Amino acid sequence: MNFSIKIEIFKEGDVYVALSPELNISSFGETIEEAKVSVGEAIEAFIEECEQMGTLEVVLEESGFSQSKDIWEHRKPILEEALLVAR
């Protein structure tokens, strides 16, 4: 099974935080590369656990993924923008 999963990297203090917003998984590292490897390992562990529990397909579908051939991909927005909400 193959997955196409987006990650975002943020600098927080002295570390880099890597986030997979689609699965709500995050990790960190002292460098960008370490953060990417670390979040990749966290995603792999999450997927393995879901497979062992027999819930992987349900979890992915509920997270907005669909399977196309042998690749699970997240839904693509038709529009992305920042919205300013004033109070």
PDB file of N, CA and C in Angstrom:
ATOM      1  N   MET A   1       0.837  -1.183   0.000  1.00  0.00           N
ATOM      2  CA  MET A   1       0.000   0.000   0.000  1.00  0.00           C
ATOM      3  C   MET A   1       0.880   1.244   0.000  1.00  0.00           C
ATOM      4  N   ASN A   2       0.526   2.216  -0.803  1.00  0.00           N
ATOM      5  CA  ASN A   2       1.255   3.478  -0.860  1.00  0.00           C
ATOM      6  C   ASN A   2       0.339   4.615  -0.415  1.00  0.00           C
ATOM      7  N   PHE A   3       0.949   5.634   0.191  1.00  0.00           N
ATOM      8  CA  PHE A   3       0.200   6.769   0.706  1.00  0.00           C
ATOM      9  C   PHE A   3       0.816   8.066   0.210  1.00  0.00           C
ATOM     10  N   SER A   4      -0.014   9.014  -0.110  1.00  0.00           N
ATOM     11  CA  SER A   4       0.430  10.370  -0.415  1.00  0.00           C
ATOM     12  C   SER A   4      -0.048  11.234   0.739  1.00  0.00           C
ATOM     13  N   ILE A   5       0.891  11.618   1.622  1.00  0.00           N
ATOM     14  CA  ILE A   5       0.531  12.334   2.846  1.00  0.00           C
ATOM     15  C   ILE A   5       1.304  13.651   2.907  1.00  0.00           C
ATOM     16  N   LYS A   6       0.581  14.734   3.089  1.00  0.00           N
ATOM     17  CA  LYS A   6       1.183  16.066   3.183  1.00  0.00           C
ATOM     18  C   LYS A   6       1.770  16.262   4.579  1.00  0.00           C
ATOM     19  N   ILE A   7       2.947  16.912   4.621  1.00  0.00           N
ATOM     20  CA  ILE A   7       3.499  17.326   5.908  1.00  0.00           C
ATOM     21  C   ILE A   7       3.844  18.805   5.834  1.00  0.00           C
ATOM     22  N   GLU A   8       3.819  19.442   6.983  1.00  0.00           N
ATOM     23  CA  GLU A   8       4.194  20.848   7.119  1.00  0.00           C
ATOM     24  C   GLU A   8       5.285  20.920   8.178  1.00  0.00           C
ATOM     25  N   ILE A   9       6.258  21.803   7.963  1.00  0.00           N
ATOM     26  CA  ILE A   9       7.360  21.974   8.915  1.00  0.00           C
ATOM     27  C   ILE A   9       7.307  23.396   9.478  1.00  0.00           C
ATOM     28  N   PHE A  10       7.425  23.504  10.795  1.00  0.00           N
ATOM     29  CA  PHE A  10       7.429  24.790  11.483  1.00  0.00           C
ATOM     30  C   PHE A  10       8.665  24.877  12.370  1.00  0.00           C
ATOM     31  N   LYS A  11       9.180  26.060  12.536  1.00  0.00           N
ATOM     32  CA  LYS A  11      10.281  26.295  13.478  1.00  0.00           C
ATOM     33  C   LYS A  11       9.658  26.790  14.777  1.00  0.00           C
ATOM     34  N   GLU A  12       9.902  26.059  15.858  1.00  0.00           N
ATOM     35  CA  GLU A  12       9.385  26.441  17.176  1.00  0.00           C
ATOM     36  C   GLU A  12      10.548  26.431  18.151  1.00  0.00           C
ATOM     37  N   GLY A  13      11.002  27.614  18.503  1.00  0.00           N
ATOM     38  CA  GLY A  13      12.164  27.709  19.384  1.00  0.00           C
ATOM     39  C   GLY A  13      13.392  27.143  18.692  1.00  0.00           C
ATOM     40  N   ASP A  14      14.020  26.160  19.335  1.00  0.00           N
ATOM     41  CA  ASP A  14      15.237  25.553  18.789  1.00  0.00           C
ATOM     42  C   ASP A  14      14.979  24.296  17.962  1.00  0.00           C
ATOM     43  N   VAL A  15      13.731  23.899  17.800  1.00  0.00           N
ATOM     44  CA  VAL A  15      13.437  22.656  17.067  1.00  0.00           C
ATOM     45  C   VAL A  15      12.523  22.917  15.880  1.00  0.00           C
ATOM     46  N   TYR A  16      12.506  21.956  14.991  1.00  0.00           N
ATOM     47  CA  TYR A  16      11.593  21.970  13.855  1.00  0.00           C
ATOM     48  C   TYR A  16      10.487  20.965  14.137  1.00  0.00           C
ATOM     49  N   VAL A  17       9.257  21.405  13.986  1.00  0.00           N
ATOM     50  CA  VAL A  17       8.095  20.550  14.218  1.00  0.00           C
ATOM     51  C   VAL A  17       7.514  20.182  12.860  1.00  0.00           C
ATOM     52  N   ALA A  18       7.323  18.886  12.659  1.00  0.00           N
ATOM     53  CA  ALA A  18       6.720  18.378  11.431  1.00  0.00           C
ATOM     54  C   ALA A  18       5.311  17.896  11.762  1.00  0.00           C
ATOM     55  N   LEU A  19       4.358  18.313  10.958  1.00  0.00           N
ATOM     56  CA  LEU A  19       2.951  18.002  11.191  1.00  0.00           C
ATOM     57  C   LEU A  19       2.341  17.395   9.942  1.00  0.00           C
ATOM     58  N   SER A  20       1.594  16.319  10.125  1.00  0.00           N
ATOM     59  CA  SER A  20       0.750  15.776   9.075  1.00  0.00           C
ATOM     60  C   SER A  20      -0.679  16.180   9.431  1.00  0.00           C
ATOM     61  N   PRO A  21      -1.172  17.299   8.866  1.00  0.00           N
ATOM     62  CA  PRO A  21      -2.498  17.773   9.254  1.00  0.00           C
ATOM     63  C   PRO A  21      -3.615  16.806   8.859  1.00  0.00           C
ATOM     64  N   GLU A  22      -3.401  16.026   7.824  1.00  0.00           N
ATOM     65  CA  GLU A  22      -4.429  15.100   7.356  1.00  0.00           C
ATOM     66  C   GLU A  22      -4.682  13.975   8.362  1.00  0.00           C
ATOM     67  N   LEU A  23      -3.643  13.580   9.089  1.00  0.00           N
ATOM     68  CA  LEU A  23      -3.781  12.509  10.087  1.00  0.00           C
ATOM     69  C   LEU A  23      -3.634  13.020  11.516  1.00  0.00           C
ATOM     70  N   ASN A  24      -3.349  14.326  11.662  1.00  0.00           N
ATOM     71  CA  ASN A  24      -3.154  14.944  12.976  1.00  0.00           C
ATOM     72  C   ASN A  24      -2.032  14.246  13.759  1.00  0.00           C
ATOM     73  N   ILE A  25      -0.912  14.038  13.059  1.00  0.00           N
ATOM     74  CA  ILE A  25       0.270  13.417  13.657  1.00  0.00           C
ATOM     75  C   ILE A  25       1.407  14.424  13.566  1.00  0.00           C
ATOM     76  N   SER A  26       2.166  14.553  14.635  1.00  0.00           N
ATOM     77  CA  SER A  26       3.303  15.472  14.596  1.00  0.00           C
ATOM     78  C   SER A  26       4.501  14.850  15.300  1.00  0.00           C
ATOM     79  N   SER A  27       5.666  15.400  14.985  1.00  0.00           N
ATOM     80  CA  SER A  27       6.902  15.012  15.638  1.00  0.00           C
ATOM     81  C   SER A  27       7.882  16.164  15.457  1.00  0.00           C
ATOM     82  N   PHE A  28       9.133  15.987  15.864  1.00  0.00           N
ATOM     83  CA  PHE A  28      10.075  17.103  15.796  1.00  0.00           C
ATOM     84  C   PHE A  28      11.489  16.594  15.596  1.00  0.00           C
ATOM     85  N   GLY A  29      12.390  17.529  15.306  1.00  0.00           N
ATOM     86  CA  GLY A  29      13.806  17.221  15.173  1.00  0.00           C
ATOM     87  C   GLY A  29      14.621  18.494  15.288  1.00  0.00           C
ATOM     88  N   GLU A  30      15.922  18.327  15.453  1.00  0.00           N
ATOM     89  CA  GLU A  30      16.804  19.487  15.560  1.00  0.00           C
ATOM     90  C   GLU A  30      17.078  20.117  14.198  1.00  0.00           C
ATOM     91  N   THR A  31      16.815  19.381  13.114  1.00  0.00           N
ATOM     92  CA  THR A  31      16.945  19.897  11.756  1.00  0.00           C
ATOM     93  C   THR A  31      15.655  19.582  11.000  1.00  0.00           C
ATOM     94  N   ILE A  32      15.496  20.221   9.855  1.00  0.00           N
ATOM     95  CA  ILE A  32      14.315  19.932   9.036  1.00  0.00           C
ATOM     96  C   ILE A  32      14.302  18.458   8.640  1.00  0.00           C
ATOM     97  N   GLU A  33      15.454  17.936   8.235  1.00  0.00           N
ATOM     98  CA  GLU A  33      15.525  16.538   7.809  1.00  0.00           C
ATOM     99  C   GLU A  33      15.182  15.595   8.958  1.00  0.00           C
ATOM    100  N   GLU A  34      15.683  15.874  10.163  1.00  0.00           N
ATOM    101  CA  GLU A  34      15.354  15.043  11.329  1.00  0.00           C
ATOM    102  C   GLU A  34      13.857  15.084  11.614  1.00  0.00           C
ATOM    103  N   ALA A  35      13.250  16.250  11.487  1.00  0.00           N
ATOM    104  CA  ALA A  35      11.806  16.371  11.715  1.00  0.00           C
ATOM    105  C   ALA A  35      11.028  15.572  10.680  1.00  0.00           C
ATOM    106  N   LYS A  36      11.460  15.605   9.424  1.00  0.00           N
ATOM    107  CA  LYS A  36      10.788  14.841   8.371  1.00  0.00           C
ATOM    108  C   LYS A  36      10.890  13.342   8.629  1.00  0.00           C
ATOM    109  N   VAL A  37      12.077  12.878   8.999  1.00  0.00           N
ATOM    110  CA  VAL A  37      12.264  11.457   9.297  1.00  0.00           C
ATOM    111  C   VAL A  37      11.416  11.059  10.502  1.00  0.00           C
ATOM    112  N   SER A  38      11.422  11.901  11.521  1.00  0.00           N
ATOM    113  CA  SER A  38      10.688  11.605  12.748  1.00  0.00           C
ATOM    114  C   SER A  38       9.184  11.521  12.513  1.00  0.00           C
ATOM    115  N   VAL A  39       8.621  12.459  11.750  1.00  0.00           N
ATOM    116  CA  VAL A  39       7.180  12.393  11.488  1.00  0.00           C
ATOM    117  C   VAL A  39       6.864  11.219  10.568  1.00  0.00           C
ATOM    118  N   GLY A  40       7.782  10.889   9.651  1.00  0.00           N
ATOM    119  CA  GLY A  40       7.586   9.711   8.811  1.00  0.00           C
ATOM    120  C   GLY A  40       7.503   8.441   9.635  1.00  0.00           C
ATOM    121  N   GLU A  41       8.366   8.328  10.636  1.00  0.00           N
ATOM    122  CA  GLU A  41       8.336   7.169  11.537  1.00  0.00           C
ATOM    123  C   GLU A  41       7.046   7.137  12.345  1.00  0.00           C
ATOM    124  N   ALA A  42       6.592   8.300  12.806  1.00  0.00           N
ATOM    125  CA  ALA A  42       5.342   8.366  13.575  1.00  0.00           C
ATOM    126  C   ALA A  42       4.152   7.959  12.701  1.00  0.00           C
ATOM    127  N   ILE A  43       4.146   8.390  11.444  1.00  0.00           N
ATOM    128  CA  ILE A  43       3.067   8.024  10.517  1.00  0.00           C
ATOM    129  C   ILE A  43       3.093   6.521  10.260  1.00  0.00           C
ATOM    130  N   GLU A  44       4.287   5.970  10.036  1.00  0.00           N
ATOM    131  CA  GLU A  44       4.410   4.530   9.810  1.00  0.00           C
ATOM    132  C   GLU A  44       3.905   3.738  11.015  1.00  0.00           C
ATOM    133  N   ALA A  45       4.254   4.172  12.225  1.00  0.00           N
ATOM    134  CA  ALA A  45       3.793   3.485  13.438  1.00  0.00           C
ATOM    135  C   ALA A  45       2.267   3.555  13.550  1.00  0.00           C
ATOM    136  N   PHE A  46       1.698   4.712  13.231  1.00  0.00           N
ATOM    137  CA  PHE A  46       0.242   4.887  13.262  1.00  0.00           C
ATOM    138  C   PHE A  46      -0.429   3.935  12.276  1.00  0.00           C
ATOM    139  N   ILE A  47       0.105   3.870  11.060  1.00  0.00           N
ATOM    140  CA  ILE A  47      -0.468   2.998  10.027  1.00  0.00           C
ATOM    141  C   ILE A  47      -0.353   1.536  10.434  1.00  0.00           C
ATOM    142  N   GLU A  48       0.801   1.137  10.964  1.00  0.00           N
ATOM    143  CA  GLU A  48       0.982  -0.243  11.429  1.00  0.00           C
ATOM    144  C   GLU A  48      -0.029  -0.593  12.512  1.00  0.00           C
ATOM    145  N   GLU A  49      -0.230   0.309  13.461  1.00  0.00           N
ATOM    146  CA  GLU A  49      -1.178   0.055  14.555  1.00  0.00           C
ATOM    147  C   GLU A  49      -2.595  -0.092  14.008  1.00  0.00           C
ATOM    148  N   CYS A  50      -2.970   0.783  13.079  1.00  0.00           N
ATOM    149  CA  CYS A  50      -4.303   0.687  12.471  1.00  0.00           C
ATOM    150  C   CYS A  50      -4.462  -0.624  11.713  1.00  0.00           C
ATOM    151  N   GLU A  51      -3.406  -1.055  11.004  1.00  0.00           N
ATOM    152  CA  GLU A  51      -3.462  -2.329  10.281  1.00  0.00           C
ATOM    153  C   GLU A  51      -3.664  -3.486  11.250  1.00  0.00           C
ATOM    154  N   GLN A  52      -2.926  -3.482  12.354  1.00  0.00           N
ATOM    155  CA  GLN A  52      -3.041  -4.548  13.347  1.00  0.00           C
ATOM    156  C   GLN A  52      -4.439  -4.592  13.956  1.00  0.00           C
ATOM    157  N   MET A  53      -5.053  -3.430  14.125  1.00  0.00           N
ATOM    158  CA  MET A  53      -6.401  -3.366  14.700  1.00  0.00           C
ATOM    159  C   MET A  53      -7.484  -3.619  13.649  1.00  0.00           C
ATOM    160  N   GLY A  54      -7.088  -3.656  12.368  1.00  0.00           N
ATOM    161  CA  GLY A  54      -8.050  -3.876  11.299  1.00  0.00           C
ATOM    162  C   GLY A  54      -8.900  -2.661  10.988  1.00  0.00           C
ATOM    163  N   THR A  55      -8.396  -1.468  11.301  1.00  0.00           N
ATOM    164  CA  THR A  55      -9.187  -0.242  11.129  1.00  0.00           C
ATOM    165  C   THR A  55      -8.584   0.734  10.119  1.00  0.00           C
ATOM    166  N   LEU A  56      -7.521   0.341   9.420  1.00  0.00           N
ATOM    167  CA  LEU A  56      -6.803   1.286   8.576  1.00  0.00           C
ATOM    168  C   LEU A  56      -7.691   1.924   7.514  1.00  0.00           C
ATOM    169  N   GLU A  57      -8.432   1.133   6.767  1.00  0.00           N
ATOM    170  CA  GLU A  57      -9.266   1.698   5.701  1.00  0.00           C
ATOM    171  C   GLU A  57     -10.314   2.652   6.256  1.00  0.00           C
ATOM    172  N   VAL A  58     -10.931   2.301   7.357  1.00  0.00           N
ATOM    173  CA  VAL A  58     -11.948   3.161   7.962  1.00  0.00           C
ATOM    174  C   VAL A  58     -11.324   4.476   8.428  1.00  0.00           C
ATOM    175  N   VAL A  59     -10.176   4.391   9.092  1.00  0.00           N
ATOM    176  CA  VAL A  59      -9.498   5.593   9.582  1.00  0.00           C
ATOM    177  C   VAL A  59      -9.114   6.499   8.422  1.00  0.00           C
ATOM    178  N   LEU A  60      -8.551   5.920   7.364  1.00  0.00           N
ATOM    179  CA  LEU A  60      -8.158   6.728   6.209  1.00  0.00           C
ATOM    180  C   LEU A  60      -9.366   7.380   5.548  1.00  0.00           C
ATOM    181  N   GLU A  61     -10.436   6.637   5.365  1.00  0.00           N
ATOM    182  CA  GLU A  61     -11.637   7.200   4.740  1.00  0.00           C
ATOM    183  C   GLU A  61     -12.229   8.312   5.591  1.00  0.00           C
ATOM    184  N   GLU A  62     -12.265   8.123   6.910  1.00  0.00           N
ATOM    185  CA  GLU A  62     -12.796   9.153   7.799  1.00  0.00           C
ATOM    186  C   GLU A  62     -11.897  10.389   7.841  1.00  0.00           C
ATOM    187  N   SER A  63     -10.622  10.220   7.486  1.00  0.00           N
ATOM    188  CA  SER A  63      -9.680  11.335   7.452  1.00  0.00           C
ATOM    189  C   SER A  63      -9.657  12.035   6.091  1.00  0.00           C
ATOM    190  N   GLY A  64     -10.498  11.586   5.159  1.00  0.00           N
ATOM    191  CA  GLY A  64     -10.593  12.247   3.867  1.00  0.00           C
ATOM    192  C   GLY A  64      -9.771  11.622   2.765  1.00  0.00           C
ATOM    193  N   PHE A  65      -9.256  10.416   2.968  1.00  0.00           N
ATOM    194  CA  PHE A  65      -8.484   9.725   1.947  1.00  0.00           C
ATOM    195  C   PHE A  65      -9.400   8.834   1.113  1.00  0.00           C
ATOM    196  N   SER A  66      -8.990   8.600  -0.121  1.00  0.00           N
ATOM    197  CA  SER A  66      -9.644   7.612  -0.964  1.00  0.00           C
ATOM    198  C   SER A  66      -8.558   6.859  -1.719  1.00  0.00           C
ATOM    199  N   GLN A  67      -8.883   5.655  -2.128  1.00  0.00           N
ATOM    200  CA  GLN A  67      -7.895   4.811  -2.792  1.00  0.00           C
ATOM    201  C   GLN A  67      -8.090   4.879  -4.296  1.00  0.00           C
ATOM    202  N   SER A  68      -7.001   5.158  -5.008  1.00  0.00           N
ATOM    203  CA  SER A  68      -6.987   5.170  -6.461  1.00  0.00           C
ATOM    204  C   SER A  68      -5.901   4.198  -6.895  1.00  0.00           C
ATOM    205  N   LYS A  69      -6.318   3.082  -7.459  1.00  0.00           N
ATOM    206  CA  LYS A  69      -5.399   1.977  -7.774  1.00  0.00           C
ATOM    207  C   LYS A  69      -4.742   1.515  -6.483  1.00  0.00           C
ATOM    208  N   ASP A  70      -3.421   1.638  -6.347  1.00  0.00           N
ATOM    209  CA  ASP A  70      -2.760   1.170  -5.119  1.00  0.00           C
ATOM    210  C   ASP A  70      -2.261   2.327  -4.252  1.00  0.00           C
ATOM    211  N   ILE A  71      -2.766   3.542  -4.505  1.00  0.00           N
ATOM    212  CA  ILE A  71      -2.336   4.712  -3.741  1.00  0.00           C
ATOM    213  C   ILE A  71      -3.518   5.331  -2.994  1.00  0.00           C
ATOM    214  N   TRP A  72      -3.328   5.553  -1.701  1.00  0.00           N
ATOM    215  CA  TRP A  72      -4.301   6.287  -0.900  1.00  0.00           C
ATOM    216  C   TRP A  72      -3.922   7.760  -0.969  1.00  0.00           C
ATOM    217  N   GLU A  73      -4.843   8.601  -1.428  1.00  0.00           N
ATOM    218  CA  GLU A  73      -4.590  10.033  -1.539  1.00  0.00           C
ATOM    219  C   GLU A  73      -5.656  10.814  -0.784  1.00  0.00           C
ATOM    220  N   HIS A  74      -5.237  11.936  -0.214  1.00  0.00           N
ATOM    221  CA  HIS A  74      -6.162  12.804   0.500  1.00  0.00           C
ATOM    222  C   HIS A  74      -6.949  13.640  -0.494  1.00  0.00           C
ATOM    223  N   ARG A  75      -8.177  13.966  -0.127  1.00  0.00           N
ATOM    224  CA  ARG A  75      -8.986  14.800  -1.020  1.00  0.00           C
ATOM    225  C   ARG A  75      -8.280  16.125  -1.283  1.00  0.00           C
ATOM    226  N   LYS A  76      -8.455  16.649  -2.465  1.00  0.00           N
ATOM    227  CA  LYS A  76      -7.832  17.905  -2.862  1.00  0.00           C
ATOM    228  C   LYS A  76      -8.875  19.013  -2.799  1.00  0.00           C
ATOM    229  N   PRO A  77      -8.572  20.105  -2.115  1.00  0.00           N
ATOM    230  CA  PRO A  77      -9.535  21.215  -2.056  1.00  0.00           C
ATOM    231  C   PRO A  77      -9.631  21.913  -3.416  1.00  0.00           C
ATOM    232  N   ILE A  78     -10.786  22.453  -3.703  1.00  0.00           N
ATOM    233  CA  ILE A  78     -10.921  23.235  -4.923  1.00  0.00           C
ATOM    234  C   ILE A  78     -10.489  24.682  -4.675  1.00  0.00           C
ATOM    235  N   LEU A  79     -10.358  25.038  -3.383  1.00  0.00           N
ATOM    236  CA  LEU A  79      -9.916  26.384  -3.021  1.00  0.00           C
ATOM    237  C   LEU A  79      -9.251  26.323  -1.645  1.00  0.00           C
ATOM    238  N   GLU A  80      -8.120  27.002  -1.512  1.00  0.00           N
ATOM    239  CA  GLU A  80      -7.478  27.180  -0.215  1.00  0.00           C
ATOM    240  C   GLU A  80      -7.172  28.641  -0.054  1.00  0.00           C
ATOM    241  N   GLU A  81      -7.578  29.219   1.060  1.00  0.00           N
ATOM    242  CA  GLU A  81      -7.243  30.619   1.340  1.00  0.00           C
ATOM    243  C   GLU A  81      -7.372  30.868   2.833  1.00  0.00           C
ATOM    244  N   ALA A  82      -6.737  31.947   3.269  1.00  0.00           N
ATOM    245  CA  ALA A  82      -6.842  32.354   4.671  1.00  0.00           C
ATOM    246  C   ALA A  82      -8.065  33.258   4.818  1.00  0.00           C
ATOM    247  N   LEU A  83      -8.810  33.027   5.865  1.00  0.00           N
ATOM    248  CA  LEU A  83     -10.011  33.820   6.133  1.00  0.00           C
ATOM    249  C   LEU A  83      -9.806  34.580   7.438  1.00  0.00           C
ATOM    250  N   LEU A  84      -9.927  35.883   7.391  1.00  0.00           N
ATOM    251  CA  LEU A  84      -9.795  36.718   8.575  1.00  0.00           C
ATOM    252  C   LEU A  84     -11.158  36.815   9.234  1.00  0.00           C
ATOM    253  N   VAL A  85     -11.223  36.426  10.487  1.00  0.00           N
ATOM    254  CA  VAL A  85     -12.464  36.487  11.239  1.00  0.00           C
ATOM    255  C   VAL A  85     -12.311  37.577  12.289  1.00  0.00           C
ATOM    256  N   ALA A  86     -13.111  38.625  12.190  1.00  0.00           N
ATOM    257  CA  ALA A  86     -13.043  39.742  13.135  1.00  0.00           C
ATOM    258  C   ALA A  86     -14.108  39.558  14.210  1.00  0.00           C
ATOM    259  N   ARG A  87     -13.745  39.949  15.427  1.00  0.00           N
ATOM    260  CA  ARG A  87     -14.717  39.882  16.537  1.00  0.00           C
ATOM    261  C   ARG A  87     -14.881  41.234  17.142  1.00  0.00           C
TER     262      ARG A  87
END
